[in-house]
Amino acid sequence: MKIKILIISLLTIIMSACTLGETKKDDRIDPQIKRQIHILNKQIVDGLVKNKPENVLRVCSDNLLKKKSDIKVLMQLLTGNLKEH
């Protein structure tokens, strides 16, 4: 029992100590980066709403592109529930 508690405690400490860097939000984000993010977000959302996988796949990483067929299936499921405003 003590071993389990020790392992859980150790994992909790390790996980809470992990960080990927500083998180920035709102005005702390460089305006140029903010514009780039907005363009990419719009491209992805338009691709989802209009069921255009090529728009979404254009911004996918190499690892995600290996799952191209899964992404297309997911898009088909989402597209019916998304509407353009």
Protein backbone atom coordinates (compact mmCIF):
# COMPACT_ATOMS: atom_id res chain seq x y z
CA MET A 1 0.00 0.00 0.00
CA LYS A 2 2.83 2.39 0.86
CA ILE A 3 4.47 1.66 -2.50
CA LYS A 4 1.28 2.63 -4.36
CA ILE A 5 1.04 5.90 -2.45
CA LEU A 6 4.73 6.59 -3.11
CA ILE A 7 4.34 5.90 -6.83
CA ILE A 8 1.24 8.09 -7.10
CA SER A 9 2.96 10.89 -5.20
CA LEU A 10 6.05 10.62 -7.38
CA LEU A 11 4.00 10.68 -10.58
CA THR A 12 2.05 13.68 -9.31
CA ILE A 13 5.25 15.59 -8.58
CA ILE A 14 6.76 14.71 -11.94
CA MET A 15 3.62 15.67 -13.85
CA SER A 16 3.24 18.97 -12.03
CA ALA A 17 6.90 19.82 -12.68
CA CYS A 18 6.56 19.29 -16.44
CA THR A 19 6.28 22.45 -18.47
CA LEU A 20 6.53 23.17 -22.16
CA GLY A 21 7.49 26.78 -21.67
CA GLU A 22 5.78 30.03 -20.92
CA THR A 23 2.14 30.39 -21.88
CA LYS A 24 1.18 33.73 -23.32
CA LYS A 25 -2.31 35.07 -23.85
CA ASP A 26 -4.19 38.16 -24.92
CA ASP A 27 -1.93 41.20 -25.31
CA ARG A 28 1.23 39.26 -24.49
CA ILE A 29 1.07 37.43 -27.83
CA ASP A 30 3.12 38.98 -30.63
CA PRO A 31 0.61 40.60 -33.06
CA GLN A 32 2.29 38.98 -36.07
CA ILE A 33 1.98 35.52 -34.50
CA LYS A 34 -1.62 36.30 -33.55
CA ARG A 35 -2.41 37.12 -37.21
CA GLN A 36 -0.80 33.88 -38.38
CA ILE A 37 -2.79 31.87 -35.84
CA HIS A 38 -6.00 33.61 -36.94
CA ILE A 39 -5.31 32.74 -40.60
CA LEU A 40 -4.63 29.08 -39.77
CA ASN A 41 -7.71 28.85 -37.52
CA LYS A 42 -9.89 30.33 -40.26
CA GLN A 43 -8.47 27.87 -42.79
CA ILE A 44 -9.22 24.91 -40.52
CA VAL A 45 -12.72 26.07 -39.56
CA ASP A 46 -13.61 26.85 -43.19
CA GLY A 47 -12.33 23.40 -44.17
CA LEU A 48 -14.50 21.76 -41.52
CA VAL A 49 -17.64 23.78 -42.23
CA LYS A 50 -17.38 23.44 -46.02
CA ASN A 51 -16.13 19.83 -45.88
CA LYS A 52 -12.87 20.63 -47.68
CA PRO A 53 -10.28 18.24 -46.26
CA GLU A 54 -7.54 19.80 -48.36
CA ASN A 55 -7.84 23.02 -46.31
CA VAL A 56 -7.34 21.13 -43.07
CA LEU A 57 -4.68 18.75 -44.36
CA ARG A 58 -2.62 21.68 -45.65
CA VAL A 59 -1.79 22.69 -42.07
CA CYS A 60 -1.33 19.20 -40.62
CA SER A 61 2.01 17.95 -39.37
CA ASP A 62 3.72 14.97 -40.99
CA ASN A 63 2.49 12.71 -38.19
CA LEU A 64 -1.11 13.84 -38.67
CA LEU A 65 -0.84 13.37 -42.43
CA LYS A 66 -0.11 9.70 -41.76
CA LYS A 67 -3.69 9.57 -40.39
CA LYS A 68 -5.19 11.32 -43.42
CA SER A 69 -8.03 8.82 -43.81
CA ASP A 70 -8.96 9.15 -40.11
CA ILE A 71 -9.00 12.93 -40.43
CA LYS A 72 -11.30 12.72 -43.46
CA VAL A 73 -13.71 10.41 -41.57
CA LEU A 74 -13.70 12.78 -38.59
CA MET A 75 -14.40 15.70 -40.91
CA GLN A 76 -17.37 13.88 -42.44
CA LEU A 77 -18.79 13.35 -38.96
CA LEU A 78 -18.28 16.99 -37.97
CA THR A 79 -19.38 18.67 -41.17
CA GLY A 80 -23.02 17.72 -40.78
CA ASN A 81 -23.12 19.39 -37.36
CA LEU A 82 -21.27 22.61 -38.24
CA LYS A 83 -22.93 25.59 -39.87
CA GLU A 84 -21.45 28.69 -41.39
CA HIS A 85 -22.46 31.97 -39.73
